[in-house]
Amino acid sequence: MTLLDAAKKLGNESETCKLCHPVHCWEHYFNNSTQNYGSAGHHQSKYWRFDRSNPKFTNPTTFTLPSIPSKLRIPPSRFQNIGAYFQEKYESSKANNASMDYLVEYNPGLVAIPTKMKQDLPKDAIYLLSLRVTPANNCFSTKVYADLPQEVWNSVYYTNTNYLGLALLDEKYQMIPGYDVVIEVDVPMDLKRDTLSKRTGAHVEAMSPTFMDYRIFVLNNEIYLHANADTVVVNRLSLRAKGFGDDDAYVKNTGTCVEVAAEGGAQGNWEKPCRLDNLYGGDNLQVMLMRQFNTIWSGGINGKNYALFSLPNATHPDAPDSVYAEIDIFPHHVQQILPDEFDQISKFQVFGKLWKEGTHKSRHFKMDRVNMRSVKEVGNTTESGNVPLPSFSTMDAHEDWFPGDDAPFKESAHGGACCVSFSANELNLGGTKSNHHESLLVGIGHTKVSWKPWYSKKNVPQEQKDRKPHTHYVSLFYAFDPYPPFQIRARSGYFCLGHAPLATDNKLPPTEGGIFNPHSVLTRNRMLQQNKITFDCPQVHYISAYIEKAGDPSKTIIGYGLNDCTGRLVEVEKREIVRLLYPDPMDMNFDVT
């Protein structure tokens, strides 16, 4: 049964749901009058546009890492002939057996700095920001990349350079000068894949990085670093600032990660802190990893972007919080883990997780040292029951858009970012509503039009491909019980988040905080589109952070990447999110689409 059929069935059978009948709902909104009702019996709109159903936000902030050397940024003067620029960079990288030597930063992660770390940092440091720093990008139009020679295209997208950007932010989300850095994680830990082919000895031009999409979480008053590898890996990190405490003792008592990893030997196991040297940005901000990474195998080889969250221990209130990894959203799979503990598994067992049984494949990747450290799990993965229908419908669900099962955005959703706690009082808007009787955790997921083989078939009409272009993203809010099996209680319809405003003379308008990023103008090269309609959002808005605002529990902060090109934060009130999870039908927009 399609969503449309289900809505009709409920509207016919339930007096309570009659208001939301997709054919007759206009009668309730227009008091059975045809005034303001479209001709030929067609309503103006009861399906929201993705760019009009997004939450209202304040304090938008754009990010640029000053620590990235100017010579490693794409010059704006080359934006108009970027294909030639990529070709030049490819020729240079090929001659030097290296990756493309330019960098962009996007997909921001964000945490409020734990109290225990603040004594070692500048007093105005409130948040820690993370960014993915890499040559891989989607800043320019689809045609630009399609016109690249295959070997150049491969080098743009499949680069083994993937750095971690970190910066301290103040209470207004502004970077604190001198406290932003770019770090190479895999090389000092001796985990980077060899760039020379074992078979031919030649340089491999296109290679996936060891780690991708760094994200950060606070669990039990500690900061944890999360990255996508073969699946999700996790580590605890610590921060300090130069000049806060005894610098000499810090250097003397904490070895570099190169030294500590070497002590770990071929097995790659080590359980003591190590210093990560900053690649760019000086040494004002100093970062330690507390041990070797551990691997979360709960979701199998296809696992990525798990949200990590913690809850008070249900049986021992004085014990540390219980930590959970959100594996899937729809259906909702959650696994309790001990992120600092691991079971040592064999390389043979790792290969069994990577490939189908009986394929007899093998490899010689240093990363398998981490894969053999399987995070300890507590109990079985939970799965909640049926997922509720969206709280409102968007244009993709309209039967005139995509009849039957041809709708572009399927029911499955992926992380995303999670979780912020909403009390019953917040969910019920201070007692003015009766949405839910107890607290819920709220997260943000995404879904997309996935690429399928038919997109590359010449016998498929181009009109069909253009009508439903692939790799276009929308997001949704979802709310679930803060206890197993973490039943999802509500979810919003789809929405998208928009572009940063254009700058004048390289200066942001007063409405936008942060540091001007010249790449922001590029996100308009790839707009969200479906059914040949263009929406005022980037093709890909990827929400990578969602936390409660420090010092103000009535507000939340959303961090998102735009077209793998830039990053942005926005502030959203909890009551605005409640409005989307539990909308009042009489407040729905009827704008012409």
Protein backbone atom coordinates (compact mmCIF):
# COMPACT_ATOMS: atom_id res chain seq x y z
CA MET A 1 0.00 0.00 0.00
CA THR A 2 1.38 3.39 -0.95
CA LEU A 3 1.44 6.36 1.42
CA LEU A 4 -1.34 7.97 -0.63
CA ASP A 5 -3.51 4.85 -0.42
CA ALA A 6 -2.92 4.61 3.34
CA ALA A 7 -3.95 8.26 3.80
CA LYS A 8 -7.15 7.70 1.81
CA LYS A 9 -7.97 4.56 3.81
CA LEU A 10 -7.51 6.31 7.16
CA GLY A 11 -9.43 9.34 5.96
CA ASN A 12 -12.38 7.14 4.98
CA GLU A 13 -12.38 4.92 8.08
CA SER A 14 -11.44 7.26 10.92
CA GLU A 15 -13.34 10.34 12.02
CA THR A 16 -10.15 11.60 13.68
CA CYS A 17 -8.16 11.26 10.45
CA LYS A 18 -10.83 12.63 8.12
CA LEU A 19 -9.16 16.04 8.20
CA CYS A 20 -6.10 14.61 6.46
CA HIS A 21 -7.86 12.79 3.64
CA PRO A 22 -5.71 13.64 0.59
CA VAL A 23 -8.69 14.13 -1.73
CA HIS A 24 -11.22 15.84 0.54
CA CYS A 25 -9.05 17.73 3.03
CA TRP A 26 -9.58 21.01 1.16
CA GLU A 27 -13.22 20.96 2.26
CA HIS A 28 -12.12 21.37 5.88
CA TYR A 29 -9.62 24.11 5.13
CA PHE A 30 -11.98 26.11 2.93
CA ASN A 31 -15.15 25.44 4.94
CA ASN A 32 -16.66 23.50 2.03
CA SER A 33 -16.44 26.64 -0.12
CA THR A 34 -14.74 26.69 -3.49
CA GLN A 35 -13.39 30.18 -2.83
CA ASN A 36 -9.58 30.16 -3.28
CA TYR A 37 -9.87 26.63 -4.61
CA GLY A 38 -8.23 25.77 -7.91
CA SER A 39 -10.14 25.31 -11.15
CA ALA A 40 -11.27 21.91 -12.35
CA GLY A 41 -11.41 20.66 -8.77
CA HIS A 42 -7.67 20.96 -8.20
CA HIS A 43 -6.48 22.41 -4.90
CA GLN A 44 -3.65 24.94 -4.82
CA SER A 45 -1.41 22.76 -2.68
CA LYS A 46 -1.52 20.45 0.27
CA TYR A 47 1.89 18.97 -0.49
CA TRP A 48 4.70 21.13 0.80
CA ARG A 49 7.73 22.17 -1.19
CA PHE A 50 10.98 20.90 0.32
CA ASP A 51 12.35 24.43 0.48
CA ARG A 52 9.25 25.73 2.32
CA SER A 53 8.85 22.96 4.87
CA ASN A 54 12.25 23.48 6.46
CA PRO A 55 12.55 24.72 10.05
CA LYS A 56 12.89 28.45 10.66
CA PHE A 57 16.37 29.25 11.91
CA THR A 58 18.51 32.07 13.27
CA ASN A 59 22.22 32.87 13.63
CA PRO A 60 23.42 31.10 10.46
CA THR A 61 27.20 30.79 10.38
CA THR A 62 29.55 29.93 7.51
CA PHE A 63 32.97 28.35 8.06
CA THR A 64 36.39 28.72 6.54
CA LEU A 65 39.51 27.28 8.18
CA PRO A 66 42.19 30.01 8.20
CA SER A 67 44.76 27.29 8.88
CA ILE A 68 44.46 25.93 5.33
CA PRO A 69 47.29 27.57 3.33
CA SER A 70 46.07 29.85 0.55
CA LYS A 71 48.15 27.89 -1.97
CA LEU A 72 45.93 24.86 -1.26
CA ARG A 73 42.67 26.67 -2.05
CA ILE A 74 41.06 26.73 -5.46
CA PRO A 75 41.54 30.30 -6.73
CA PRO A 76 38.20 31.98 -7.52
CA SER A 77 39.82 33.11 -10.76
CA ARG A 78 39.77 29.45 -11.87
CA PHE A 79 36.11 28.79 -11.11
CA GLN A 80 35.12 29.51 -14.72
CA ASN A 81 37.69 27.09 -16.19
CA ILE A 82 37.74 24.57 -13.39
CA GLY A 83 38.00 21.61 -15.78
CA ALA A 84 41.40 22.86 -16.93
CA TYR A 85 42.39 23.45 -13.30
CA PHE A 86 41.53 19.86 -12.36
CA GLN A 87 43.46 18.61 -15.39
CA GLU A 88 46.53 20.62 -14.35
CA LYS A 89 46.33 19.35 -10.78
CA TYR A 90 45.99 15.80 -12.06
CA GLU A 91 49.11 16.09 -14.22
CA SER A 92 51.04 17.52 -11.27
CA SER A 93 49.85 14.81 -8.87
CA LYS A 94 50.69 12.10 -11.40
CA ALA A 95 54.22 13.47 -11.87
CA ASN A 96 54.77 13.56 -8.10
CA ASN A 97 52.97 10.33 -7.18
CA ALA A 98 50.69 12.33 -4.89
CA SER A 99 47.06 13.29 -4.41
CA MET A 100 45.51 16.43 -5.90
CA ASP A 101 46.99 19.36 -3.95
CA TYR A 102 44.01 21.57 -3.14
CA LEU A 103 41.58 21.36 -0.21
CA VAL A 104 37.96 22.17 0.61
CA GLU A 105 36.24 21.89 4.01
CA TYR A 106 32.67 20.77 4.71
CA ASN A 107 30.32 18.52 6.76
CA PRO A 108 30.70 20.18 10.16
CA GLY A 109 30.52 18.23 13.41
CA LEU A 110 29.88 20.08 16.67
CA VAL A 111 29.98 19.41 20.41
CA ALA A 112 29.78 21.57 23.49
CA ILE A 113 33.17 21.25 25.18
CA PRO A 114 32.89 19.13 28.37
CA THR A 115 33.45 20.99 31.62
CA LYS A 116 36.49 18.91 32.56
CA MET A 117 38.39 20.10 29.44
CA LYS A 118 37.62 23.82 29.76
CA GLN A 119 40.39 24.45 32.29
CA ASP A 120 42.94 23.57 29.60
CA LEU A 121 41.45 25.85 26.92
CA PRO A 122 40.79 29.58 26.38
CA LYS A 123 37.95 30.76 28.62
CA ASP A 124 35.76 31.78 25.66
CA ALA A 125 35.95 28.32 24.06
CA ILE A 126 32.42 26.87 24.20
CA TYR A 127 32.24 24.48 21.23
CA LEU A 128 34.55 22.22 19.26
CA LEU A 129 33.92 22.19 15.51
CA SER A 130 35.10 19.41 13.20
CA LEU A 131 35.27 19.55 9.40
CA ARG A 132 36.16 17.13 6.66
CA VAL A 133 39.15 18.57 4.75
CA THR A 134 39.83 16.92 1.40
CA PRO A 135 40.20 17.50 -2.37
CA ALA A 136 37.01 15.44 -3.01
CA ASN A 137 34.13 17.80 -3.77
CA ASN A 138 30.92 18.48 -5.68
CA CYS A 139 31.31 22.26 -5.82
CA PHE A 140 30.75 22.58 -9.55
CA SER A 141 28.00 21.58 -11.95
CA THR A 142 27.39 17.96 -12.85
CA LYS A 143 28.46 18.69 -16.43
CA VAL A 144 31.88 19.94 -15.29
CA TYR A 145 32.67 16.58 -13.75
CA ALA A 146 31.03 14.58 -16.54
CA ASP A 147 33.28 16.31 -19.09
CA LEU A 148 36.48 15.38 -17.23
CA PRO A 149 38.65 12.58 -18.63
CA GLN A 150 38.00 9.42 -16.62
CA GLU A 151 41.42 9.41 -14.96
CA VAL A 152 40.97 13.04 -13.83
CA TRP A 153 37.44 12.32 -12.57
CA ASN A 154 38.78 9.37 -10.58
CA SER A 155 41.47 11.51 -8.97
CA VAL A 156 38.95 14.19 -7.96
CA TYR A 157 36.55 11.77 -6.32
CA TYR A 158 38.78 8.90 -5.21
CA THR A 159 41.50 10.67 -3.30
CA ASN A 160 43.24 9.15 -0.30
CA THR A 161 43.62 12.60 1.27
CA ASN A 162 41.04 13.11 3.99
CA TYR A 163 42.15 15.33 6.85
CA LEU A 164 40.47 16.25 10.12
CA GLY A 165 39.81 19.95 10.65
CA LEU A 166 39.20 21.16 14.22
CA ALA A 167 38.44 24.62 15.58
CA LEU A 168 37.39 26.19 18.88
CA LEU A 169 34.25 28.33 18.70
CA ASP A 170 32.91 30.92 21.10
CA GLU A 171 29.30 31.21 22.27
CA LYS A 172 28.32 32.94 19.02
CA TYR A 173 29.86 30.17 16.86
CA GLN A 174 32.80 32.35 15.82
CA MET A 175 36.22 30.74 15.45
CA ILE A 176 38.69 31.79 18.13
CA PRO A 177 41.71 33.17 16.24
CA GLY A 178 44.74 30.89 16.34
CA TYR A 179 42.80 27.82 17.47
CA ASP A 180 41.95 26.04 14.23
CA VAL A 181 44.06 23.18 12.87
CA VAL A 182 44.19 20.55 10.12
CA ILE A 183 45.36 17.09 11.19
CA GLU A 184 46.40 14.01 9.24
CA VAL A 185 45.18 11.04 11.28
CA ASP A 186 46.01 7.89 9.33
CA VAL A 187 49.72 8.50 8.56
CA PRO A 188 51.01 9.00 12.12
CA MET A 189 49.02 5.96 13.23
CA ASP A 190 50.56 3.93 10.39
CA LEU A 191 47.13 3.10 8.95
CA LYS A 192 47.31 4.74 5.52
CA ARG A 193 46.92 2.46 2.54
CA ASP A 194 49.97 2.01 0.35
CA THR A 195 49.77 4.10 -2.80
CA LEU A 196 51.95 1.62 -4.69
CA SER A 197 50.30 -1.39 -6.27
CA LYS A 198 51.41 -4.71 -4.73
CA ARG A 199 51.01 -6.33 -8.14
CA THR A 200 52.70 -3.82 -10.46
CA GLY A 201 54.61 -1.50 -8.13
CA ALA A 202 53.06 1.48 -9.91
CA HIS A 203 51.46 4.47 -8.17
CA VAL A 204 47.71 4.03 -7.68
CA GLU A 205 46.11 7.27 -8.85
CA ALA A 206 42.59 6.72 -7.50
CA MET A 207 42.21 5.35 -3.99
CA SER A 208 39.66 5.77 -1.21
CA PRO A 209 40.93 7.35 2.01
CA THR A 210 41.47 5.40 5.23
CA PHE A 211 38.96 7.58 7.09
CA MET A 212 36.05 9.67 5.80
CA ASP A 213 33.48 12.07 7.27
CA TYR A 214 34.85 12.69 10.73
CA ARG A 215 32.21 13.49 13.34
CA ILE A 216 32.35 14.17 17.07
CA PHE A 217 30.11 13.28 20.02
CA VAL A 218 30.14 13.84 23.78
CA LEU A 219 29.59 10.66 25.79
CA ASN A 220 30.03 10.53 29.56
CA ASN A 221 31.61 14.00 29.56
CA GLU A 222 34.27 12.89 27.04
CA ILE A 223 34.69 13.76 23.35
CA TYR A 224 34.66 10.84 20.92
CA LEU A 225 35.86 10.94 17.32
CA HIS A 226 33.84 8.93 14.81
CA ALA A 227 34.92 8.17 11.24
CA ASN A 228 33.73 6.03 8.35
CA ALA A 229 36.22 3.40 7.23
CA ASP A 230 35.23 -0.12 6.09
CA THR A 231 32.51 0.53 8.64
CA VAL A 232 32.38 2.94 11.59
CA VAL A 233 35.41 3.37 13.87
CA VAL A 234 35.54 5.33 17.11
CA ASN A 235 38.16 6.78 19.44
CA ARG A 236 38.26 9.11 22.43
CA LEU A 237 40.17 12.36 22.12
CA SER A 238 41.32 15.08 24.46
CA LEU A 239 42.16 18.76 23.92
CA ARG A 240 44.49 21.28 25.47
CA ALA A 241 45.81 24.68 24.47
CA LYS A 242 49.46 25.65 24.45
CA GLY A 243 50.30 27.74 27.52
CA PHE A 244 47.51 26.23 29.62
CA GLY A 245 49.32 24.00 32.07
CA ASP A 246 52.83 22.57 31.86
CA ASP A 247 53.75 22.35 28.16
CA ASP A 248 57.08 20.64 28.82
CA ALA A 249 55.45 17.94 30.94
CA TYR A 250 52.82 17.38 28.25
CA VAL A 251 55.48 16.79 25.58
CA LYS A 252 57.60 14.66 27.92
CA ASN A 253 54.79 12.45 29.20
CA THR A 254 52.78 12.05 25.99
CA GLY A 255 54.48 10.45 23.01
CA THR A 256 53.60 11.28 19.43
CA CYS A 257 51.19 8.96 17.69
CA VAL A 258 54.05 7.94 15.39
CA GLU A 259 56.03 6.75 18.41
CA VAL A 260 53.13 5.09 20.19
CA ALA A 261 51.89 3.33 17.04
CA ALA A 262 55.41 1.99 16.44
CA GLU A 263 55.42 0.55 19.97
CA GLY A 264 52.16 -1.22 19.14
CA GLY A 265 53.96 -3.28 16.50
CA ALA A 266 52.36 -5.27 13.71
CA GLN A 267 49.30 -6.07 15.83
CA GLY A 268 48.57 -2.35 16.12
CA ASN A 269 47.20 -2.53 19.66
CA TRP A 270 47.99 0.28 22.07
CA GLU A 271 46.02 1.68 24.98
CA LYS A 272 47.76 4.91 25.97
CA PRO A 273 47.36 8.54 24.83
CA CYS A 274 49.36 9.92 21.94
CA ARG A 275 49.88 13.41 20.48
CA LEU A 276 48.56 14.14 16.99
CA ASP A 277 50.82 16.66 15.28
CA ASN A 278 49.00 19.40 13.39
CA LEU A 279 49.58 19.46 9.66
CA TYR A 280 48.47 23.10 9.38
CA GLY A 281 47.56 25.74 11.94
CA GLY A 282 50.50 25.82 14.36
CA ASP A 283 50.45 24.23 17.80
CA ASN A 284 48.14 26.44 19.88
CA LEU A 285 45.46 23.73 19.80
CA GLN A 286 46.84 20.32 20.79
CA VAL A 287 44.95 17.07 20.28
CA MET A 288 45.46 13.67 21.83
CA LEU A 289 44.00 10.30 20.86
CA MET A 290 43.51 8.18 23.94
CA ARG A 291 44.09 4.77 22.32
CA GLN A 292 43.91 2.89 19.04
CA PHE A 293 40.57 3.09 17.19
CA ASN A 294 37.93 0.42 17.77
CA THR A 295 35.49 -0.79 15.10
CA ILE A 296 31.68 -0.97 15.41
CA TRP A 297 30.72 -4.04 13.41
CA SER A 298 27.05 -4.03 14.53
CA GLY A 299 25.76 -2.82 11.17
CA GLY A 300 28.04 -4.94 9.00
CA ILE A 301 30.25 -3.84 6.14
CA ASN A 302 27.79 -1.21 4.87
CA GLY A 303 27.68 0.66 8.18
CA LYS A 304 28.39 4.40 8.11
CA ASN A 305 27.43 7.61 9.86
CA TYR A 306 26.18 5.99 13.06
CA ALA A 307 24.93 8.46 15.64
CA LEU A 308 26.34 7.85 19.12
CA PHE A 309 24.33 8.85 22.18
CA SER A 310 24.28 8.10 25.90
CA LEU A 311 21.55 7.67 28.51
CA PRO A 312 21.62 7.32 32.31
CA ASN A 313 22.24 3.75 33.45
CA ALA A 314 18.77 2.31 34.05
CA THR A 315 19.80 -0.06 36.86
CA HIS A 316 22.76 1.78 38.43
CA PRO A 317 22.08 5.55 38.50
CA ASP A 318 25.56 6.33 39.87
CA ALA A 319 27.32 4.34 37.13
CA PRO A 320 28.50 5.92 33.85
CA ASP A 321 25.84 6.51 31.23
CA SER A 322 25.01 3.67 28.86
CA VAL A 323 26.32 4.35 25.34
CA TYR A 324 24.43 3.45 22.17
CA ALA A 325 25.14 3.38 18.45
CA GLU A 326 22.19 4.12 16.18
CA ILE A 327 22.74 1.69 13.31
CA ASP A 328 19.64 2.36 11.17
CA ILE A 329 16.70 4.76 11.41
CA PHE A 330 13.95 3.03 9.41
CA PRO A 331 13.71 0.37 10.76
CA HIS A 332 15.23 1.73 13.96
CA HIS A 333 18.19 -0.45 14.95
CA VAL A 334 20.18 0.52 18.06
CA GLN A 335 23.08 -1.32 19.70
CA GLN A 336 24.47 -0.67 23.19
CA ILE A 337 28.28 -0.56 23.09
CA LEU A 338 31.33 -0.03 25.28
CA PRO A 339 33.32 2.29 22.97
CA ASP A 340 36.59 2.03 24.93
CA GLU A 341 36.58 -1.78 25.08
CA PHE A 342 37.05 -4.32 22.30
CA ASP A 343 37.11 -8.01 21.47
CA GLN A 344 40.13 -9.11 19.48
CA ILE A 345 38.94 -10.95 16.37
CA SER A 346 41.07 -12.60 13.72
CA LYS A 347 41.84 -11.25 10.28
CA PHE A 348 39.96 -14.25 8.90
CA GLN A 349 36.88 -13.08 10.83
CA VAL A 350 37.35 -9.58 9.43
CA PHE A 351 37.46 -10.97 5.89
CA GLY A 352 34.26 -12.87 6.68
CA LYS A 353 32.59 -9.55 7.45
CA LEU A 354 34.01 -7.81 4.37
CA TRP A 355 33.11 -10.41 1.73
CA LYS A 356 30.58 -13.11 1.06
CA GLU A 357 31.33 -16.51 2.48
CA GLY A 358 33.32 -18.73 0.12
CA THR A 359 34.85 -15.96 -1.99
CA HIS A 360 38.35 -16.62 -0.47
CA LYS A 361 39.47 -13.05 -0.85
CA SER A 362 42.31 -11.46 1.10
CA ARG A 363 44.13 -8.16 1.31
CA HIS A 364 47.04 -6.49 3.06
CA PHE A 365 45.56 -3.31 4.53
CA LYS A 366 47.05 -1.81 7.70
CA MET A 367 43.52 -0.71 8.59
CA ASP A 368 42.68 -4.33 9.40
CA ARG A 369 44.57 -3.83 12.67
CA VAL A 370 41.67 -1.60 13.67
CA ASN A 371 39.06 -3.89 12.09
CA MET A 372 40.29 -6.69 14.37
CA ARG A 373 39.40 -4.55 17.40
CA SER A 374 35.64 -5.15 17.49
CA VAL A 375 33.83 -2.83 19.92
CA LYS A 376 32.29 -4.71 22.82
CA GLU A 377 28.53 -4.98 22.51
CA VAL A 378 26.02 -5.22 25.36
CA GLY A 379 23.05 -7.41 24.50
CA ASN A 380 21.48 -7.66 21.07
CA THR A 381 20.65 -4.94 18.56
CA THR A 382 17.16 -3.63 19.26
CA GLU A 383 14.57 -3.09 16.54
CA SER A 384 11.52 -0.94 17.12
CA GLY A 385 8.09 -1.61 15.67
CA ASN A 386 6.27 0.07 12.83
CA VAL A 387 7.34 3.59 11.92
CA PRO A 388 4.62 6.27 11.98
CA LEU A 389 3.60 8.06 8.81
CA PRO A 390 5.14 11.48 8.10
CA SER A 391 3.48 14.38 9.89
CA PHE A 392 2.93 16.13 6.55
CA SER A 393 3.31 15.30 2.89
CA THR A 394 5.67 16.86 0.40
CA MET A 395 5.42 17.18 -3.37
CA ASP A 396 7.10 13.86 -4.10
CA ALA A 397 4.06 12.04 -2.63
CA HIS A 398 1.58 13.67 -5.02
CA GLU A 399 0.05 11.10 -7.36
CA ASP A 400 0.41 13.47 -10.33
CA TRP A 401 4.13 13.73 -9.72
CA PHE A 402 5.24 10.12 -9.49
CA PRO A 403 2.41 7.61 -9.82
CA GLY A 404 2.48 4.35 -7.89
CA ASP A 405 5.82 3.22 -6.50
CA ASP A 406 7.90 5.60 -8.62
CA ALA A 407 8.26 8.26 -5.90
CA PRO A 408 11.86 9.51 -5.72
CA PHE A 409 12.44 9.45 -1.96
CA LYS A 410 11.88 6.01 -0.51
CA GLU A 411 10.83 5.20 3.03
CA SER A 412 14.30 4.24 4.30
CA ALA A 413 16.36 6.96 5.98
CA HIS A 414 19.96 7.18 7.11
CA GLY A 415 21.96 9.19 9.65
CA GLY A 416 22.00 11.96 9.96
CA ALA A 417 22.66 13.39 13.34
CA CYS A 418 21.27 12.57 16.77
CA CYS A 419 20.22 13.11 19.55
CA VAL A 420 18.64 16.00 21.47
CA SER A 421 16.30 15.35 24.39
CA PHE A 422 12.86 16.97 24.35
CA SER A 423 10.91 16.92 27.61
CA ALA A 424 7.16 16.24 27.65
CA ASN A 425 6.66 19.92 28.47
CA GLU A 426 8.70 20.94 25.40
CA LEU A 427 6.86 18.48 23.17
CA ASN A 428 3.54 19.83 24.41
CA LEU A 429 4.63 23.48 24.03
CA GLY A 430 4.27 24.29 27.71
CA GLY A 431 0.97 22.48 28.11
CA THR A 432 -0.79 24.15 25.18
CA LYS A 433 -0.73 20.89 23.18
CA SER A 434 -1.07 17.19 23.97
CA ASN A 435 1.44 15.73 21.50
CA HIS A 436 3.17 13.17 23.74
CA HIS A 437 3.06 12.28 27.42
CA GLU A 438 6.76 11.68 28.10
CA SER A 439 10.19 12.82 26.91
CA LEU A 440 11.60 11.77 23.54
CA LEU A 441 14.96 11.89 21.80
CA VAL A 442 14.98 13.72 18.47
CA GLY A 443 17.34 13.17 15.55
CA ILE A 444 17.62 14.19 11.90
CA GLY A 445 17.90 11.67 9.08
CA HIS A 446 18.24 11.96 5.33
CA THR A 447 17.13 10.07 2.29
CA LYS A 448 18.10 10.47 -1.34
CA VAL A 449 17.42 9.36 -4.87
CA SER A 450 19.93 6.55 -5.20
CA TRP A 451 21.83 5.84 -8.39
CA LYS A 452 20.63 2.73 -10.21
CA PRO A 453 22.18 0.97 -13.23
CA TRP A 454 19.41 2.22 -15.53
CA TYR A 455 20.82 5.76 -15.27
CA SER A 456 23.78 4.64 -17.40
CA LYS A 457 21.73 2.79 -20.02
CA LYS A 458 21.48 4.50 -23.38
CA ASN A 459 18.07 3.00 -24.14
CA VAL A 460 16.51 4.78 -21.14
CA PRO A 461 15.13 8.14 -22.33
CA GLN A 462 17.04 11.15 -21.05
CA GLU A 463 13.70 12.71 -20.11
CA GLN A 464 13.15 9.90 -17.61
CA LYS A 465 16.60 10.45 -16.08
CA ASP A 466 16.08 14.20 -15.91
CA ARG A 467 12.70 13.80 -14.25
CA LYS A 468 14.20 11.93 -11.29
CA PRO A 469 17.89 12.89 -11.07
CA HIS A 470 19.91 10.76 -8.68
CA THR A 471 21.97 11.79 -5.64
CA HIS A 472 19.56 14.51 -4.54
CA TYR A 473 18.96 14.72 -0.77
CA VAL A 474 16.13 15.63 1.58
CA SER A 475 16.00 15.43 5.39
CA LEU A 476 13.46 14.73 8.12
CA PHE A 477 13.13 14.93 11.90
CA TYR A 478 12.25 11.81 13.91
CA ALA A 479 11.51 11.31 17.61
CA PHE A 480 11.83 8.11 19.63
CA ASP A 481 11.58 6.71 23.15
CA PRO A 482 14.73 7.19 25.29
CA TYR A 483 14.77 3.52 26.28
CA PRO A 484 14.90 0.15 24.47
CA PRO A 485 13.60 -0.75 21.96
CA PHE A 486 13.72 2.99 21.08
CA GLN A 487 10.35 3.00 19.36
CA ILE A 488 9.94 5.86 16.88
CA ARG A 489 6.93 7.92 17.91
CA ALA A 490 6.85 10.70 15.32
CA ARG A 491 8.55 11.87 12.17
CA SER A 492 8.21 14.95 10.03
CA GLY A 493 7.80 15.22 6.31
CA TYR A 494 10.80 16.01 4.14
CA PHE A 495 12.62 19.32 3.97
CA CYS A 496 15.87 20.79 2.71
CA LEU A 497 18.23 23.43 4.09
CA GLY A 498 19.37 26.32 1.94
CA HIS A 499 22.46 28.08 0.68
CA ALA A 500 24.65 30.57 2.48
CA PRO A 501 24.00 34.10 1.19
CA LEU A 502 26.19 35.64 -1.47
CA ALA A 503 28.96 37.94 -0.29
CA THR A 504 29.83 41.45 -1.44
CA ASP A 505 33.53 42.26 -1.84
CA ASN A 506 34.33 39.01 -0.02
CA LYS A 507 32.32 40.10 3.01
CA LEU A 508 29.32 38.25 4.41
CA PRO A 509 26.08 40.18 4.92
CA PRO A 510 25.17 41.06 8.53
CA THR A 511 22.67 38.18 8.59
CA GLU A 512 25.43 35.57 8.25
CA GLY A 513 28.08 34.94 10.89
CA GLY A 514 31.46 33.30 10.49
CA ILE A 515 34.20 33.71 7.90
CA PHE A 516 33.53 34.27 4.21
CA ASN A 517 34.11 31.11 2.18
CA PRO A 518 34.52 31.75 -1.57
CA HIS A 519 33.13 28.29 -2.26
CA SER A 520 29.69 29.33 -0.96
CA VAL A 521 28.79 30.85 -4.33
CA LEU A 522 29.49 27.49 -5.95
CA THR A 523 26.73 25.59 -4.14
CA ARG A 524 24.22 27.18 -6.53
CA ASN A 525 25.84 25.23 -9.35
CA ARG A 526 23.95 22.15 -8.18
CA MET A 527 20.39 22.73 -7.00
CA LEU A 528 17.91 20.25 -5.58
CA GLN A 529 15.65 19.13 -8.42
CA GLN A 530 12.87 16.61 -8.96
CA ASN A 531 10.22 16.33 -11.65
CA LYS A 532 12.00 19.19 -13.48
CA ILE A 533 11.27 21.57 -10.60
CA THR A 534 14.20 23.39 -9.01
CA PHE A 535 14.16 24.08 -5.28
CA ASP A 536 16.06 26.80 -3.45
CA CYS A 537 18.46 24.36 -1.80
CA PRO A 538 21.70 22.64 -2.76
CA GLN A 539 21.46 19.27 -4.43
CA VAL A 540 23.09 17.75 -1.35
CA HIS A 541 22.56 19.21 2.09
CA TYR A 542 24.05 16.69 4.49
CA ILE A 543 23.22 17.20 8.17
CA SER A 544 26.26 16.10 10.16
CA ALA A 545 25.65 17.67 13.60
CA TYR A 546 22.66 18.21 15.86
CA ILE A 547 23.07 19.27 19.49
CA GLU A 548 21.39 21.32 22.18
CA LYS A 549 22.67 24.88 22.44
CA ALA A 550 25.08 25.37 25.33
CA GLY A 551 23.40 27.35 28.12
CA ASP A 552 19.99 27.48 26.41
CA PRO A 553 18.04 24.20 26.38
CA SER A 554 15.19 25.79 24.41
CA LYS A 555 17.34 25.88 21.27
CA THR A 556 19.28 23.42 19.11
CA ILE A 557 22.11 23.75 16.60
CA ILE A 558 22.16 22.02 13.21
CA GLY A 559 25.39 21.63 11.25
CA TYR A 560 25.26 20.71 7.58
CA GLY A 561 27.42 20.42 4.51
CA LEU A 562 26.42 21.91 1.16
CA ASN A 563 27.26 19.89 -1.96
CA ASP A 564 30.49 18.53 -0.41
CA CYS A 565 31.80 22.07 -0.75
CA THR A 566 31.17 24.22 2.34
CA GLY A 567 29.81 23.90 5.86
CA ARG A 568 27.26 25.88 7.87
CA LEU A 569 25.59 26.01 11.29
CA VAL A 570 22.07 27.26 12.03
CA GLU A 571 20.19 27.68 15.30
CA VAL A 572 16.67 26.24 15.59
CA GLU A 573 14.24 26.54 18.49
CA LYS A 574 12.86 23.30 19.88
CA ARG A 575 9.31 24.57 19.49
CA GLU A 576 9.96 24.95 15.74
CA ILE A 577 10.99 21.30 15.52
CA VAL A 578 7.89 20.30 17.50
CA ARG A 579 5.84 22.27 14.94
CA LEU A 580 7.19 20.03 12.18
CA LEU A 581 6.83 16.79 14.13
CA TYR A 582 3.29 17.61 15.28
CA PRO A 583 1.96 20.24 12.84
CA ASP A 584 -1.39 21.91 13.27
CA PRO A 585 -3.22 21.26 9.98
CA MET A 586 -4.71 24.73 10.09
CA ASP A 587 -1.20 26.19 9.94
CA MET A 588 -0.26 24.35 6.77
CA ASN A 589 0.92 26.40 3.80
CA PHE A 590 -1.21 26.60 0.69
CA ASP A 591 1.29 28.38 -1.51
CA VAL A 592 1.12 27.70 -5.21
CA THR A 593 3.81 25.17 -6.18
